[in-house]
Amino acid sequence: MTIKILGSGCKSCVALMENTKEALTALGIDAQIEKVTDFGAIAGYGVMSTPALVIDERVVSFGKVLKSKEIEKILEKVTK
């Protein structure tokens, strides 16, 4: 599983990264996490509002910082 955090590296992006790591740990999922800060690459996902969360090349959230419990629910759906 590859997870990408799209954003400029702002406080919200960092918070989304930390919450994602927390959710992965809680579920015992091993995943590769990448930060994507290039605006051209971010636009390539069709995202106009960051931070955004991309799981296996699918945008699952953008424009808000998800709590770790919210990310856990998304991960559970994706891994089934």
PDB file of N, CA and C in Angstrom:
ATOM      1  N   MET A   1       0.848  -1.183   0.000  1.00  0.00           N
ATOM      2  CA  MET A   1       0.000   0.000   0.000  1.00  0.00           C
ATOM      3  C   MET A   1       0.888   1.237   0.000  1.00  0.00           C
ATOM      4  N   THR A   2       0.549   2.170  -0.852  1.00  0.00           N
ATOM      5  CA  THR A   2       1.266   3.442  -0.913  1.00  0.00           C
ATOM      6  C   THR A   2       0.292   4.556  -0.560  1.00  0.00           C
ATOM      7  N   ILE A   3       0.713   5.388   0.379  1.00  0.00           N
ATOM      8  CA  ILE A   3      -0.100   6.514   0.822  1.00  0.00           C
ATOM      9  C   ILE A   3       0.679   7.790   0.534  1.00  0.00           C
ATOM     10  N   LYS A   4      -0.012   8.759  -0.031  1.00  0.00           N
ATOM     11  CA  LYS A   4       0.624  10.041  -0.323  1.00  0.00           C
ATOM     12  C   LYS A   4      -0.132  11.154   0.387  1.00  0.00           C
ATOM     13  N   ILE A   5       0.640  12.067   0.953  1.00  0.00           N
ATOM     14  CA  ILE A   5       0.081  13.272   1.557  1.00  0.00           C
ATOM     15  C   ILE A   5       0.429  14.404   0.589  1.00  0.00           C
ATOM     16  N   LEU A   6      -0.588  15.019   0.015  1.00  0.00           N
ATOM     17  CA  LEU A   6      -0.368  16.098  -0.941  1.00  0.00           C
ATOM     18  C   LEU A   6      -0.523  17.441  -0.239  1.00  0.00           C
ATOM     19  N   GLY A   7       0.474  18.312  -0.409  1.00  0.00           N
ATOM     20  CA  GLY A   7       0.386  19.634   0.187  1.00  0.00           C
ATOM     21  C   GLY A   7       1.726  20.325   0.202  1.00  0.00           C
ATOM     22  N   SER A   8       1.717  21.553   0.645  1.00  0.00           N
ATOM     23  CA  SER A   8       2.915  22.390   0.615  1.00  0.00           C
ATOM     24  C   SER A   8       3.880  22.104   1.765  1.00  0.00           C
ATOM     25  N   GLY A   9       3.459  21.308   2.720  1.00  0.00           N
ATOM     26  CA  GLY A   9       4.288  21.068   3.899  1.00  0.00           C
ATOM     27  C   GLY A   9       3.867  21.945   5.072  1.00  0.00           C
ATOM     28  N   CYS A  10       2.688  22.527   4.969  1.00  0.00           N
ATOM     29  CA  CYS A  10       2.159  23.406   6.016  1.00  0.00           C
ATOM     30  C   CYS A  10       1.781  22.600   7.268  1.00  0.00           C
ATOM     31  N   LYS A  11       1.351  23.318   8.283  1.00  0.00           N
ATOM     32  CA  LYS A  11       0.969  22.700   9.549  1.00  0.00           C
ATOM     33  C   LYS A  11      -0.129  21.647   9.367  1.00  0.00           C
ATOM     34  N   SER A  12      -1.090  21.929   8.509  1.00  0.00           N
ATOM     35  CA  SER A  12      -2.179  20.978   8.266  1.00  0.00           C
ATOM     36  C   SER A  12      -1.666  19.707   7.596  1.00  0.00           C
ATOM     37  N   CYS A  13      -0.721  19.862   6.683  1.00  0.00           N
ATOM     38  CA  CYS A  13      -0.150  18.699   5.986  1.00  0.00           C
ATOM     39  C   CYS A  13       0.618  17.814   6.969  1.00  0.00           C
ATOM     40  N   VAL A  14       1.363  18.442   7.848  1.00  0.00           N
ATOM     41  CA  VAL A  14       2.125  17.708   8.859  1.00  0.00           C
ATOM     42  C   VAL A  14       1.165  16.968   9.789  1.00  0.00           C
ATOM     43  N   ALA A  15       0.075  17.621  10.176  1.00  0.00           N
ATOM     44  CA  ALA A  15      -0.915  16.996  11.059  1.00  0.00           C
ATOM     45  C   ALA A  15      -1.559  15.790  10.376  1.00  0.00           C
ATOM     46  N   LEU A  16      -1.884  15.915   9.085  1.00  0.00           N
ATOM     47  CA  LEU A  16      -2.474  14.795   8.353  1.00  0.00           C
ATOM     48  C   LEU A  16      -1.487  13.628   8.277  1.00  0.00           C
ATOM     49  N   MET A  17      -0.213  13.931   8.088  1.00  0.00           N
ATOM     50  CA  MET A  17       0.825  12.892   8.044  1.00  0.00           C
ATOM     51  C   MET A  17       0.882  12.155   9.379  1.00  0.00           C
ATOM     52  N   GLU A  18       0.899  12.900  10.481  1.00  0.00           N
ATOM     53  CA  GLU A  18       0.975  12.284  11.808  1.00  0.00           C
ATOM     54  C   GLU A  18      -0.269  11.441  12.100  1.00  0.00           C
ATOM     55  N   ASN A  19      -1.432  11.949  11.752  1.00  0.00           N
ATOM     56  CA  ASN A  19      -2.678  11.207  11.978  1.00  0.00           C
ATOM     57  C   ASN A  19      -2.720   9.932  11.137  1.00  0.00           C
ATOM     58  N   THR A  20      -2.165   9.999   9.934  1.00  0.00           N
ATOM     59  CA  THR A  20      -2.112   8.824   9.062  1.00  0.00           C
ATOM     60  C   THR A  20      -1.200   7.762   9.660  1.00  0.00           C
ATOM     61  N   LYS A  21      -0.037   8.184  10.141  1.00  0.00           N
ATOM     62  CA  LYS A  21       0.897   7.240  10.785  1.00  0.00           C
ATOM     63  C   LYS A  21       0.245   6.579  11.999  1.00  0.00           C
ATOM     64  N   GLU A  22      -0.480   7.382  12.776  1.00  0.00           N
ATOM     65  CA  GLU A  22      -1.175   6.882  13.962  1.00  0.00           C
ATOM     66  C   GLU A  22      -2.221   5.827  13.582  1.00  0.00           C
ATOM     67  N   ALA A  23      -2.979   6.096  12.521  1.00  0.00           N
ATOM     68  CA  ALA A  23      -4.016   5.162  12.057  1.00  0.00           C
ATOM     69  C   ALA A  23      -3.387   3.862  11.562  1.00  0.00           C
ATOM     70  N   LEU A  24      -2.300   3.958  10.828  1.00  0.00           N
ATOM     71  CA  LEU A  24      -1.615   2.765  10.323  1.00  0.00           C
ATOM     72  C   LEU A  24      -1.103   1.908  11.470  1.00  0.00           C
ATOM     73  N   THR A  25      -0.534   2.552  12.474  1.00  0.00           N
ATOM     74  CA  THR A  25      -0.034   1.835  13.645  1.00  0.00           C
ATOM     75  C   THR A  25      -1.180   1.146  14.382  1.00  0.00           C
ATOM     76  N   ALA A  26      -2.285   1.845  14.568  1.00  0.00           N
ATOM     77  CA  ALA A  26      -3.432   1.288  15.280  1.00  0.00           C
ATOM     78  C   ALA A  26      -3.986   0.049  14.585  1.00  0.00           C
ATOM     79  N   LEU A  27      -3.934   0.054  13.243  1.00  0.00           N
ATOM     80  CA  LEU A  27      -4.473  -1.071  12.474  1.00  0.00           C
ATOM     81  C   LEU A  27      -3.420  -2.129  12.154  1.00  0.00           C
ATOM     82  N   GLY A  28      -2.164  -1.829  12.484  1.00  0.00           N
ATOM     83  CA  GLY A  28      -1.091  -2.776  12.196  1.00  0.00           C
ATOM     84  C   GLY A  28      -0.820  -2.928  10.707  1.00  0.00           C
ATOM     85  N   ILE A  29      -1.010  -1.849   9.956  1.00  0.00           N
ATOM     86  CA  ILE A  29      -0.789  -1.877   8.510  1.00  0.00           C
ATOM     87  C   ILE A  29       0.577  -1.285   8.197  1.00  0.00           C
ATOM     88  N   ASP A  30       1.326  -2.003   7.372  1.00  0.00           N
ATOM     89  CA  ASP A  30       2.619  -1.508   6.926  1.00  0.00           C
ATOM     90  C   ASP A  30       2.421  -0.852   5.565  1.00  0.00           C
ATOM     91  N   ALA A  31       2.694   0.428   5.474  1.00  0.00           N
ATOM     92  CA  ALA A  31       2.496   1.147   4.214  1.00  0.00           C
ATOM     93  C   ALA A  31       3.630   2.138   4.001  1.00  0.00           C
ATOM     94  N   GLN A  32       3.875   2.431   2.755  1.00  0.00           N
ATOM     95  CA  GLN A  32       4.859   3.432   2.397  1.00  0.00           C
ATOM     96  C   GLN A  32       4.142   4.778   2.340  1.00  0.00           C
ATOM     97  N   ILE A  33       4.682   5.769   3.046  1.00  0.00           N
ATOM     98  CA  ILE A  33       4.072   7.104   3.058  1.00  0.00           C
ATOM     99  C   ILE A  33       5.008   8.075   2.345  1.00  0.00           C
ATOM    100  N   GLU A  34       4.449   8.826   1.402  1.00  0.00           N
ATOM    101  CA  GLU A  34       5.223   9.822   0.660  1.00  0.00           C
ATOM    102  C   GLU A  34       4.589  11.191   0.827  1.00  0.00           C
ATOM    103  N   LYS A  35       5.459  12.210   0.890  1.00  0.00           N
ATOM    104  CA  LYS A  35       4.989  13.593   0.873  1.00  0.00           C
ATOM    105  C   LYS A  35       5.118  14.089  -0.548  1.00  0.00           C
ATOM    106  N   VAL A  36       4.078  14.690  -1.076  1.00  0.00           N
ATOM    107  CA  VAL A  36       4.129  15.271  -2.422  1.00  0.00           C
ATOM    108  C   VAL A  36       3.903  16.771  -2.272  1.00  0.00           C
ATOM    109  N   THR A  37       4.939  17.553  -2.586  1.00  0.00           N
ATOM    110  CA  THR A  37       4.846  19.000  -2.417  1.00  0.00           C
ATOM    111  C   THR A  37       4.865  19.744  -3.746  1.00  0.00           C
ATOM    112  N   ASP A  38       5.130  19.047  -4.837  1.00  0.00           N
ATOM    113  CA  ASP A  38       5.164  19.663  -6.160  1.00  0.00           C
ATOM    114  C   ASP A  38       3.738  19.985  -6.615  1.00  0.00           C
ATOM    115  N   PHE A  39       3.480  21.264  -6.865  1.00  0.00           N
ATOM    116  CA  PHE A  39       2.110  21.671  -7.192  1.00  0.00           C
ATOM    117  C   PHE A  39       1.626  21.094  -8.515  1.00  0.00           C
ATOM    118  N   GLY A  40       2.541  20.859  -9.446  1.00  0.00           N
ATOM    119  CA  GLY A  40       2.167  20.221 -10.704  1.00  0.00           C
ATOM    120  C   GLY A  40       1.673  18.808 -10.476  1.00  0.00           C
ATOM    121  N   ALA A  41       2.390  18.076  -9.619  1.00  0.00           N
ATOM    122  CA  ALA A  41       1.992  16.705  -9.294  1.00  0.00           C
ATOM    123  C   ALA A  41       0.659  16.691  -8.541  1.00  0.00           C
ATOM    124  N   ILE A  42       0.481  17.637  -7.622  1.00  0.00           N
ATOM    125  CA  ILE A  42      -0.768  17.726  -6.854  1.00  0.00           C
ATOM    126  C   ILE A  42      -1.940  18.009  -7.795  1.00  0.00           C
ATOM    127  N   ALA A  43      -1.738  18.948  -8.724  1.00  0.00           N
ATOM    128  CA  ALA A  43      -2.789  19.282  -9.689  1.00  0.00           C
ATOM    129  C   ALA A  43      -3.120  18.079 -10.569  1.00  0.00           C
ATOM    130  N   GLY A  44      -2.122  17.228 -10.811  1.00  0.00           N
ATOM    131  CA  GLY A  44      -2.327  16.019 -11.600  1.00  0.00           C
ATOM    132  C   GLY A  44      -3.343  15.071 -10.983  1.00  0.00           C
ATOM    133  N   TYR A  45      -3.534  15.171  -9.679  1.00  0.00           N
ATOM    134  CA  TYR A  45      -4.544  14.362  -8.990  1.00  0.00           C
ATOM    135  C   TYR A  45      -5.910  15.046  -9.014  1.00  0.00           C
ATOM    136  N   GLY A  46      -5.973  16.247  -9.568  1.00  0.00           N
ATOM    137  CA  GLY A  46      -7.233  16.981  -9.610  1.00  0.00           C
ATOM    138  C   GLY A  46      -7.562  17.648  -8.289  1.00  0.00           C
ATOM    139  N   VAL A  47      -6.573  17.786  -7.438  1.00  0.00           N
ATOM    140  CA  VAL A  47      -6.769  18.366  -6.104  1.00  0.00           C
ATOM    141  C   VAL A  47      -6.472  19.860  -6.158  1.00  0.00           C
ATOM    142  N   MET A  48      -7.436  20.651  -5.732  1.00  0.00           N
ATOM    143  CA  MET A  48      -7.246  22.103  -5.706  1.00  0.00           C
ATOM    144  C   MET A  48      -7.149  22.633  -4.277  1.00  0.00           C
ATOM    145  N   SER A  49      -7.422  21.771  -3.318  1.00  0.00           N
ATOM    146  CA  SER A  49      -7.404  22.176  -1.915  1.00  0.00           C
ATOM    147  C   SER A  49      -6.631  21.137  -1.114  1.00  0.00           C
ATOM    148  N   THR A  50      -5.592  21.597  -0.423  1.00  0.00           N
ATOM    149  CA  THR A  50      -4.765  20.678   0.361  1.00  0.00           C
ATOM    150  C   THR A  50      -4.984  20.926   1.844  1.00  0.00           C
ATOM    151  N   PRO A  51      -4.618  19.991   2.703  1.00  0.00           N
ATOM    152  CA  PRO A  51      -3.919  18.749   2.408  1.00  0.00           C
ATOM    153  C   PRO A  51      -4.866  17.713   1.794  1.00  0.00           C
ATOM    154  N   ALA A  52      -4.271  16.765   1.083  1.00  0.00           N
ATOM    155  CA  ALA A  52      -5.050  15.686   0.497  1.00  0.00           C
ATOM    156  C   ALA A  52      -4.408  14.355   0.851  1.00  0.00           C
ATOM    157  N   LEU A  53      -5.244  13.334   0.942  1.00  0.00           N
ATOM    158  CA  LEU A  53      -4.786  11.987   1.269  1.00  0.00           C
ATOM    159  C   LEU A  53      -5.075  11.090   0.074  1.00  0.00           C
ATOM    160  N   VAL A  54      -4.033  10.420  -0.423  1.00  0.00           N
ATOM    161  CA  VAL A  54      -4.146   9.541  -1.577  1.00  0.00           C
ATOM    162  C   VAL A  54      -3.709   8.147  -1.147  1.00  0.00           C
ATOM    163  N   ILE A  55      -4.571   7.168  -1.363  1.00  0.00           N
ATOM    164  CA  ILE A  55      -4.240   5.781  -1.025  1.00  0.00           C
ATOM    165  C   ILE A  55      -4.252   4.975  -2.317  1.00  0.00           C
ATOM    166  N   ASP A  56      -3.105   4.356  -2.608  1.00  0.00           N
ATOM    167  CA  ASP A  56      -2.956   3.570  -3.837  1.00  0.00           C
ATOM    168  C   ASP A  56      -3.466   4.329  -5.065  1.00  0.00           C
ATOM    169  N   GLU A  57      -2.998   5.569  -5.198  1.00  0.00           N
ATOM    170  CA  GLU A  57      -3.295   6.445  -6.341  1.00  0.00           C
ATOM    171  C   GLU A  57      -4.752   6.899  -6.429  1.00  0.00           C
ATOM    172  N   ARG A  58      -5.527   6.727  -5.352  1.00  0.00           N
ATOM    173  CA  ARG A  58      -6.915   7.194  -5.330  1.00  0.00           C
ATOM    174  C   ARG A  58      -7.065   8.278  -4.257  1.00  0.00           C
ATOM    175  N   VAL A  59      -7.547   9.447  -4.661  1.00  0.00           N
ATOM    176  CA  VAL A  59      -7.752  10.542  -3.704  1.00  0.00           C
ATOM    177  C   VAL A  59      -8.946  10.178  -2.824  1.00  0.00           C
ATOM    178  N   VAL A  60      -8.708  10.093  -1.516  1.00  0.00           N
ATOM    179  CA  VAL A  60      -9.789   9.725  -0.592  1.00  0.00           C
ATOM    180  C   VAL A  60     -10.240  10.905   0.266  1.00  0.00           C
ATOM    181  N   SER A  61      -9.437  11.967   0.307  1.00  0.00           N
ATOM    182  CA  SER A  61      -9.821  13.143   1.082  1.00  0.00           C
ATOM    183  C   SER A  61      -8.979  14.334   0.630  1.00  0.00           C
ATOM    184  N   PHE A  62      -9.582  15.520   0.640  1.00  0.00           N
ATOM    185  CA  PHE A  62      -8.815  16.732   0.358  1.00  0.00           C
ATOM    186  C   PHE A  62      -9.457  17.916   1.053  1.00  0.00           C
ATOM    187  N   GLY A  63      -8.619  18.907   1.359  1.00  0.00           N
ATOM    188  CA  GLY A  63      -9.110  20.156   1.930  1.00  0.00           C
ATOM    189  C   GLY A  63      -9.359  20.145   3.424  1.00  0.00           C
ATOM    190  N   LYS A  64      -9.009  19.038   4.090  1.00  0.00           N
ATOM    191  CA  LYS A  64      -9.189  19.014   5.552  1.00  0.00           C
ATOM    192  C   LYS A  64      -8.218  18.018   6.184  1.00  0.00           C
ATOM    193  N   VAL A  65      -8.007  18.213   7.477  1.00  0.00           N
ATOM    194  CA  VAL A  65      -7.146  17.313   8.231  1.00  0.00           C
ATOM    195  C   VAL A  65      -8.043  16.266   8.889  1.00  0.00           C
ATOM    196  N   LEU A  66      -7.931  15.051   8.410  1.00  0.00           N
ATOM    197  CA  LEU A  66      -8.718  13.956   8.997  1.00  0.00           C
ATOM    198  C   LEU A  66      -8.119  13.542  10.329  1.00  0.00           C
ATOM    199  N   LYS A  67      -8.966  13.172  11.262  1.00  0.00           N
ATOM    200  CA  LYS A  67      -8.500  12.611  12.529  1.00  0.00           C
ATOM    201  C   LYS A  67      -8.066  11.169  12.274  1.00  0.00           C
ATOM    202  N   SER A  68      -7.234  10.625  13.151  1.00  0.00           N
ATOM    203  CA  SER A  68      -6.722   9.269  12.925  1.00  0.00           C
ATOM    204  C   SER A  68      -7.849   8.236  12.868  1.00  0.00           C
ATOM    205  N   LYS A  69      -8.902   8.415  13.637  1.00  0.00           N
ATOM    206  CA  LYS A  69     -10.038   7.470  13.611  1.00  0.00           C
ATOM    207  C   LYS A  69     -10.743   7.500  12.256  1.00  0.00           C
ATOM    208  N   GLU A  70     -10.846   8.687  11.656  1.00  0.00           N
ATOM    209  CA  GLU A  70     -11.460   8.807  10.330  1.00  0.00           C
ATOM    210  C   GLU A  70     -10.596   8.091   9.283  1.00  0.00           C
ATOM    211  N   ILE A  71      -9.290   8.231   9.410  1.00  0.00           N
ATOM    212  CA  ILE A  71      -8.370   7.571   8.486  1.00  0.00           C
ATOM    213  C   ILE A  71      -8.444   6.057   8.661  1.00  0.00           C
ATOM    214  N   GLU A  72      -8.569   5.610   9.909  1.00  0.00           N
ATOM    215  CA  GLU A  72      -8.715   4.168  10.169  1.00  0.00           C
ATOM    216  C   GLU A  72      -9.919   3.601   9.421  1.00  0.00           C
ATOM    217  N   LYS A  73     -11.045   4.308   9.463  1.00  0.00           N
ATOM    218  CA  LYS A  73     -12.257   3.836   8.772  1.00  0.00           C
ATOM    219  C   LYS A  73     -12.023   3.742   7.266  1.00  0.00           C
ATOM    220  N   ILE A  74     -11.348   4.723   6.705  1.00  0.00           N
ATOM    221  CA  ILE A  74     -11.043   4.706   5.270  1.00  0.00           C
ATOM    222  C   ILE A  74     -10.123   3.527   4.948  1.00  0.00           C
ATOM    223  N   LEU A  75      -9.107   3.329   5.766  1.00  0.00           N
ATOM    224  CA  LEU A  75      -8.159   2.238   5.529  1.00  0.00           C
ATOM    225  C   LEU A  75      -8.836   0.876   5.630  1.00  0.00           C
ATOM    226  N   GLU A  76      -9.756   0.751   6.570  1.00  0.00           N
ATOM    227  CA  GLU A  76     -10.477  -0.531   6.716  1.00  0.00           C
ATOM    228  C   GLU A  76     -11.281  -0.840   5.464  1.00  0.00           C
ATOM    229  N   LYS A  77     -11.906   0.178   4.876  1.00  0.00           N
ATOM    230  CA  LYS A  77     -12.679  -0.027   3.643  1.00  0.00           C
ATOM    231  C   LYS A  77     -11.757  -0.386   2.477  1.00  0.00           C
ATOM    232  N   VAL A  78     -10.635   0.275   2.386  1.00  0.00           N
ATOM    233  CA  VAL A  78      -9.701   0.084   1.274  1.00  0.00           C
ATOM    234  C   VAL A  78      -9.027  -1.288   1.337  1.00  0.00           C
ATOM    235  N   THR A  79      -8.768  -1.789   2.534  1.00  0.00           N
ATOM    236  CA  THR A  79      -8.020  -3.043   2.673  1.00  0.00           C
ATOM    237  C   THR A  79      -8.917  -4.284   2.636  1.00  0.00           C
ATOM    238  N   LYS A  80     -10.228  -4.106   2.565  1.00  0.00           N
ATOM    239  CA  LYS A  80     -11.120  -5.274   2.525  1.00  0.00           C
ATOM    240  C   LYS A  80     -11.179  -5.879   1.154  1.00  0.00           C
TER     241      LYS A  80
END
